[in-house]
Amino acid sequence: MNTAVPSTDLAGKLLIAMPSMGDQRFANSVVFVCAHSDEGAMGLIINKATPEIDLGMLLEQLSIDTDEPVEGEPVHFGGPVETGRGFVLHSPDYTSVVTTLEVTDAFHMTATLDILEEIGRGTGPADRIMCLGYAGWGPGQLEAEFAENGWLVCEATRDLVFSTPDDEKWGAALATLGVNAVSLSSEGGRA
């Protein structure tokens, strides 16, 4: 199993938390990397829905009218940074008039209120994951976590990100690498 520190830009990839992950907030997490550079990285945990709030409740709290039924659509814990701020990872069929980050051709991210208004009107993106908060790493921090056997990396596919149930994403992401969760060890090895 290759857990070497990646030397490329990880934007648009998925990070899969290893059992050795010391931070319980990231246990069994799958993180979509939105940005990665020498200055650090930013990503969204895409498999941890918050039980306290759904999208309908969130839009109601923000006084956003809805024409489309969004009750029951999950709001995810995107990470421990700025947990009061919303981020929507979505399909490329929507672009904000304010600003949208085009991570890849298949995945965009918008963090402005207008996307929630569009979702409420039924004109938002077809595929989306609403997150509160994000995961952030300073310069070299993510690379250090790779060196400590904290993460694996796999390709992000539309099906895995948007269609796979949250409780199956971690195992499904591992399976794309040919890894079974039972075979993982929390101890890293060096040859």
Protein backbone atom coordinates (compact mmCIF):
# COMPACT_ATOMS: atom_id res chain seq x y z
CA MET A 1 0.00 0.00 0.00
CA ASN A 2 1.43 3.36 -1.01
CA THR A 3 1.04 5.96 1.73
CA ALA A 4 3.91 8.11 0.53
CA VAL A 5 3.61 11.85 0.76
CA PRO A 6 2.01 12.99 -2.50
CA SER A 7 4.07 15.42 -4.53
CA THR A 8 1.23 16.73 -6.67
CA ASP A 9 -1.67 19.10 -6.26
CA LEU A 10 -4.41 17.21 -4.44
CA ALA A 11 -7.26 19.55 -5.43
CA GLY A 12 -10.15 17.47 -6.71
CA LYS A 13 -8.95 14.29 -4.96
CA LEU A 14 -10.39 12.47 -1.98
CA LEU A 15 -8.48 11.97 1.26
CA ILE A 16 -9.36 8.78 3.12
CA ALA A 17 -8.65 8.87 6.85
CA MET A 18 -6.54 5.97 8.05
CA PRO A 19 -7.25 4.20 11.37
CA SER A 20 -4.10 5.91 12.73
CA MET A 21 -5.79 9.33 12.40
CA GLY A 22 -5.34 10.84 15.86
CA ASP A 23 -8.08 13.48 15.53
CA GLN A 24 -11.44 11.80 16.20
CA ARG A 25 -13.26 14.49 14.23
CA PHE A 26 -11.67 12.90 11.15
CA ALA A 27 -12.19 9.22 12.09
CA ASN A 28 -13.40 7.30 9.00
CA SER A 29 -13.65 10.58 7.09
CA VAL A 30 -13.61 11.10 3.37
CA VAL A 31 -12.45 14.63 2.55
CA PHE A 32 -12.87 16.27 -0.84
CA VAL A 33 -9.85 18.57 -1.37
CA CYS A 34 -11.01 21.92 -2.77
CA ALA A 35 -7.62 23.65 -2.79
CA HIS A 36 -4.01 22.58 -2.24
CA SER A 37 -0.81 24.59 -2.61
CA ASP A 38 2.43 25.43 -0.81
CA GLU A 39 0.31 27.71 1.39
CA GLY A 40 -1.81 24.82 2.72
CA ALA A 41 -4.98 22.96 1.87
CA MET A 42 -8.72 23.25 2.26
CA GLY A 43 -11.27 20.46 2.00
CA LEU A 44 -14.77 19.33 2.96
CA ILE A 45 -15.67 16.16 4.85
CA ILE A 46 -18.35 14.62 2.63
CA ASN A 47 -19.51 11.63 4.66
CA LYS A 48 -20.56 13.01 8.05
CA ALA A 49 -24.10 14.37 8.10
CA THR A 50 -25.04 16.43 11.14
CA PRO A 51 -28.02 14.87 12.92
CA GLU A 52 -29.17 18.20 14.40
CA ILE A 53 -30.01 20.04 11.19
CA ASP A 54 -31.11 19.35 7.64
CA LEU A 55 -31.13 21.64 4.61
CA GLY A 56 -34.77 22.61 5.09
CA MET A 57 -34.09 23.73 8.66
CA LEU A 58 -30.98 25.64 7.57
CA LEU A 59 -32.82 27.52 4.83
CA GLU A 60 -35.63 28.32 7.27
CA GLN A 61 -33.09 29.70 9.80
CA LEU A 62 -31.67 31.89 7.01
CA SER A 63 -35.19 33.05 6.03
CA ILE A 64 -34.78 31.58 2.54
CA ASP A 65 -38.07 30.62 0.92
CA THR A 66 -38.23 27.23 -0.73
CA ASP A 67 -40.16 26.17 -3.81
CA GLU A 68 -38.46 22.78 -3.80
CA PRO A 69 -38.72 20.19 -1.01
CA VAL A 70 -35.34 20.12 0.75
CA GLU A 71 -36.45 18.80 4.15
CA GLY A 72 -34.41 15.79 5.08
CA GLU A 73 -31.54 16.67 2.73
CA PRO A 74 -28.47 16.38 4.93
CA VAL A 75 -26.16 19.13 6.05
CA HIS A 76 -22.66 17.76 6.61
CA PHE A 77 -19.96 18.54 9.15
CA GLY A 78 -17.46 19.86 6.61
CA GLY A 79 -14.66 20.22 9.14
CA PRO A 80 -13.71 21.96 12.36
CA VAL A 81 -12.82 25.39 10.87
CA GLU A 82 -15.49 28.11 10.61
CA THR A 83 -18.32 25.73 11.52
CA GLY A 84 -20.89 28.51 11.20
CA ARG A 85 -20.04 29.10 7.55
CA GLY A 86 -21.62 27.14 4.70
CA PHE A 87 -19.91 25.53 1.72
CA VAL A 88 -21.63 23.69 -1.11
CA LEU A 89 -19.68 21.13 -3.14
CA HIS A 90 -21.63 20.70 -6.34
CA SER A 91 -21.90 19.65 -9.96
CA PRO A 92 -20.74 22.06 -12.68
CA ASP A 93 -24.28 22.85 -13.86
CA TYR A 94 -24.38 25.83 -11.49
CA THR A 95 -22.13 28.87 -11.23
CA SER A 96 -22.71 31.65 -8.71
CA VAL A 97 -23.00 35.22 -9.96
CA VAL A 98 -20.78 36.13 -6.99
CA THR A 99 -18.06 33.48 -7.03
CA THR A 100 -17.68 29.75 -7.58
CA LEU A 101 -14.43 27.84 -7.29
CA GLU A 102 -14.02 25.46 -10.23
CA VAL A 103 -12.03 22.71 -8.52
CA THR A 104 -12.18 20.38 -11.55
CA ASP A 105 -14.42 20.07 -14.59
CA ALA A 106 -16.71 17.80 -12.56
CA PHE A 107 -16.68 19.53 -9.16
CA HIS A 108 -17.30 23.12 -8.15
CA MET A 109 -17.56 24.71 -4.71
CA THR A 110 -19.59 27.78 -3.79
CA ALA A 111 -19.61 29.44 -0.38
CA THR A 112 -21.93 32.40 -1.00
CA LEU A 113 -25.55 32.76 0.11
CA ASP A 114 -26.88 32.98 -3.45
CA ILE A 115 -26.43 29.24 -4.02
CA LEU A 116 -28.75 28.49 -1.09
CA GLU A 117 -31.32 30.90 -2.50
CA GLU A 118 -31.07 29.13 -5.87
CA ILE A 119 -31.42 25.72 -4.21
CA GLY A 120 -34.54 27.00 -2.42
CA ARG A 121 -35.99 28.11 -5.78
CA GLY A 122 -35.15 24.76 -7.38
CA THR A 123 -32.58 26.28 -9.74
CA GLY A 124 -29.43 25.25 -7.90
CA PRO A 125 -27.03 22.47 -8.88
CA ALA A 126 -28.43 19.02 -9.61
CA ASP A 127 -25.83 17.32 -7.38
CA ARG A 128 -24.68 18.91 -4.15
CA ILE A 129 -23.36 18.37 -0.67
CA MET A 130 -24.05 21.13 1.85
CA CYS A 131 -21.38 21.48 4.53
CA LEU A 132 -20.96 23.63 7.60
CA GLY A 133 -17.30 24.28 8.31
CA TYR A 134 -14.26 23.02 6.48
CA ALA A 135 -11.00 21.18 7.06
CA GLY A 136 -7.92 23.35 6.76
CA TRP A 137 -4.19 22.65 6.84
CA GLY A 138 -1.34 25.14 7.08
CA PRO A 139 1.84 24.95 4.97
CA GLY A 140 3.30 21.44 5.15
CA GLN A 141 0.71 20.21 7.67
CA LEU A 142 -1.16 17.86 5.34
CA GLU A 143 2.11 16.50 3.96
CA ALA A 144 3.23 15.78 7.55
CA GLU A 145 -0.03 13.88 8.17
CA PHE A 146 0.70 11.75 5.08
CA ALA A 147 4.17 11.00 6.44
CA GLU A 148 2.53 9.88 9.70
CA ASN A 149 0.28 7.41 7.82
CA GLY A 150 -2.82 9.57 8.38
CA TRP A 151 -4.33 9.58 4.88
CA LEU A 152 -4.69 7.71 1.62
CA VAL A 153 -5.64 9.46 -1.64
CA CYS A 154 -8.04 8.35 -4.34
CA GLU A 155 -9.74 9.85 -7.36
CA ALA A 156 -13.03 11.64 -6.77
CA THR A 157 -15.83 10.38 -8.98
CA ARG A 158 -19.26 11.93 -9.28
CA ASP A 159 -20.89 8.66 -8.19
CA LEU A 160 -18.70 8.22 -5.13
CA VAL A 161 -19.08 11.83 -4.00
CA PHE A 162 -22.75 12.49 -4.74
CA SER A 163 -24.52 9.11 -5.02
CA THR A 164 -22.87 6.79 -2.49
CA PRO A 165 -24.60 6.83 0.92
CA ASP A 166 -22.53 8.62 3.58
CA ASP A 167 -22.05 5.49 5.71
CA GLU A 168 -20.61 3.65 2.68
CA LYS A 169 -18.27 6.36 1.31
CA TRP A 170 -15.23 5.48 3.43
CA GLY A 171 -15.31 1.80 2.44
CA ALA A 172 -16.16 2.65 -1.18
CA ALA A 173 -13.24 5.10 -1.39
CA LEU A 174 -10.88 2.45 -0.01
CA ALA A 175 -12.25 -0.09 -2.49
CA THR A 176 -11.23 2.18 -5.40
CA LEU A 177 -7.65 1.55 -4.25
CA GLY A 178 -8.21 -2.19 -3.86
CA VAL A 179 -8.06 -1.88 -0.08
CA ASN A 180 -10.42 -3.61 2.33
CA ALA A 181 -11.08 -1.70 5.57
CA VAL A 182 -10.45 -4.86 7.62
CA SER A 183 -6.90 -5.12 6.28
CA LEU A 184 -5.87 -1.61 7.38
CA SER A 185 -3.44 -1.20 10.22
CA SER A 186 -3.02 1.89 12.32
CA GLU A 187 0.74 1.31 12.30
CA GLY A 188 2.76 2.65 9.39
CA GLY A 189 5.68 0.65 8.08
CA ARG A 190 8.94 1.65 6.47
CA ALA A 191 10.94 -0.56 4.16
